[in-house]
Amino acid sequence: MSVKIRLARGGAKKKPFYQVVVADERSPRDGRFIENLGQYDPRQDPPMVTLKEDRALEWLQKGAQPTATVLQLLRQQGLWAKFKQPKVA
């Protein structure tokens, strides 16, 4: 089973709103998910992104793969840099 961090679409027609979720890659886009990590609203200026940083980092460490769009969001929020930092023991 491969786990992805991806967007699940919500909102009305022509008014998209997304949830950042952790889901099995075999699940449908707006279907079952494991955990909700936050929200993304591209219609605001600037686009609104809220993420549970601790949970997102935990899922990345467990091996969850972000999609291309979610990877951009993680980079904008600075989470990808935190994930890629070498661990100090």
Protein backbone atom coordinates (compact mmCIF):
# COMPACT_ATOMS: atom_id res chain seq x y z
CA MET A 1 0.00 0.00 0.00
CA SER A 2 1.38 3.37 -1.03
CA VAL A 3 0.29 6.45 0.90
CA LYS A 4 0.06 9.88 -0.75
CA ILE A 5 -0.41 13.39 0.58
CA ARG A 6 -2.78 14.98 -1.92
CA LEU A 7 -5.66 17.40 -2.46
CA ALA A 8 -9.33 16.44 -2.14
CA ARG A 9 -11.66 18.90 -3.89
CA GLY A 10 -14.65 20.47 -2.25
CA GLY A 11 -16.76 23.55 -2.87
CA ALA A 12 -19.30 24.43 -5.54
CA LYS A 13 -18.92 24.41 -9.30
CA LYS A 14 -16.33 27.03 -10.39
CA LYS A 15 -15.52 27.69 -6.71
CA PRO A 16 -12.91 25.10 -5.74
CA PHE A 17 -11.75 24.53 -2.19
CA TYR A 18 -9.32 21.79 -1.25
CA GLN A 19 -8.42 19.70 1.77
CA VAL A 20 -4.86 18.44 2.11
CA VAL A 21 -5.29 14.78 3.03
CA VAL A 22 -3.27 11.61 3.53
CA ALA A 23 -4.84 8.80 1.49
CA ASP A 24 -4.13 5.43 -0.02
CA GLU A 25 -3.20 6.06 -3.66
CA ARG A 26 -5.93 3.63 -4.78
CA SER A 27 -8.71 5.72 -3.19
CA PRO A 28 -10.72 8.12 -5.39
CA ARG A 29 -9.71 11.79 -5.34
CA ASP A 30 -12.60 12.90 -3.12
CA GLY A 31 -13.11 9.53 -1.48
CA ARG A 32 -11.78 7.86 1.61
CA PHE A 33 -8.74 9.32 3.33
CA ILE A 34 -6.65 8.48 6.38
CA GLU A 35 -6.16 11.94 7.88
CA ASN A 36 -6.96 15.57 7.07
CA LEU A 37 -3.79 17.70 7.31
CA GLY A 38 -5.18 21.10 6.40
CA GLN A 39 -6.87 23.29 3.83
CA TYR A 40 -6.00 25.14 0.62
CA ASP A 41 -8.15 27.88 -0.90
CA PRO A 42 -6.69 29.12 -4.22
CA ARG A 43 -9.44 31.73 -4.72
CA GLN A 44 -8.22 34.07 -1.99
CA ASP A 45 -5.52 36.64 -2.69
CA PRO A 46 -2.98 35.46 -1.63
CA PRO A 47 -4.10 31.81 -1.63
CA MET A 48 -4.87 30.54 1.88
CA VAL A 49 -2.95 27.49 3.10
CA THR A 50 -3.29 26.05 6.60
CA LEU A 51 -1.45 22.87 7.52
CA LYS A 52 -0.90 20.84 10.68
CA GLU A 53 2.89 21.03 10.51
CA ASP A 54 3.66 18.34 13.09
CA ARG A 55 1.32 15.79 11.48
CA ALA A 56 2.54 16.58 7.93
CA LEU A 57 6.17 16.10 8.96
CA GLU A 58 5.27 12.87 10.74
CA TRP A 59 3.59 11.47 7.61
CA LEU A 60 6.55 12.50 5.43
CA GLN A 61 8.91 10.70 7.82
CA LYS A 62 6.71 7.60 7.60
CA GLY A 63 7.20 7.62 3.82
CA ALA A 64 4.06 9.33 2.50
CA GLN A 65 4.68 10.79 -0.97
CA PRO A 66 3.33 14.30 -1.71
CA THR A 67 1.81 15.01 -5.13
CA ALA A 68 3.37 17.78 -7.24
CA THR A 69 0.85 20.42 -6.10
CA VAL A 70 1.14 19.47 -2.44
CA LEU A 71 4.94 19.53 -2.74
CA GLN A 72 4.70 23.16 -3.92
CA LEU A 73 2.47 24.00 -0.95
CA LEU A 74 4.91 22.30 1.46
CA ARG A 75 7.79 24.30 -0.03
CA GLN A 76 5.86 27.57 0.28
CA GLN A 77 5.10 26.85 3.93
CA GLY A 78 8.73 25.88 4.66
CA LEU A 79 7.81 22.34 5.69
CA TRP A 80 9.78 20.63 2.93
CA ALA A 81 13.00 22.35 4.12
CA LYS A 82 12.29 21.20 7.70
CA PHE A 83 11.74 17.65 6.43
CA LYS A 84 14.94 17.66 4.36
CA GLN A 85 17.16 19.05 7.15
CA PRO A 86 19.70 16.54 8.39
CA LYS A 87 18.73 15.05 11.74
CA VAL A 88 20.99 16.01 14.65
CA ALA A 89 21.52 13.15 17.08
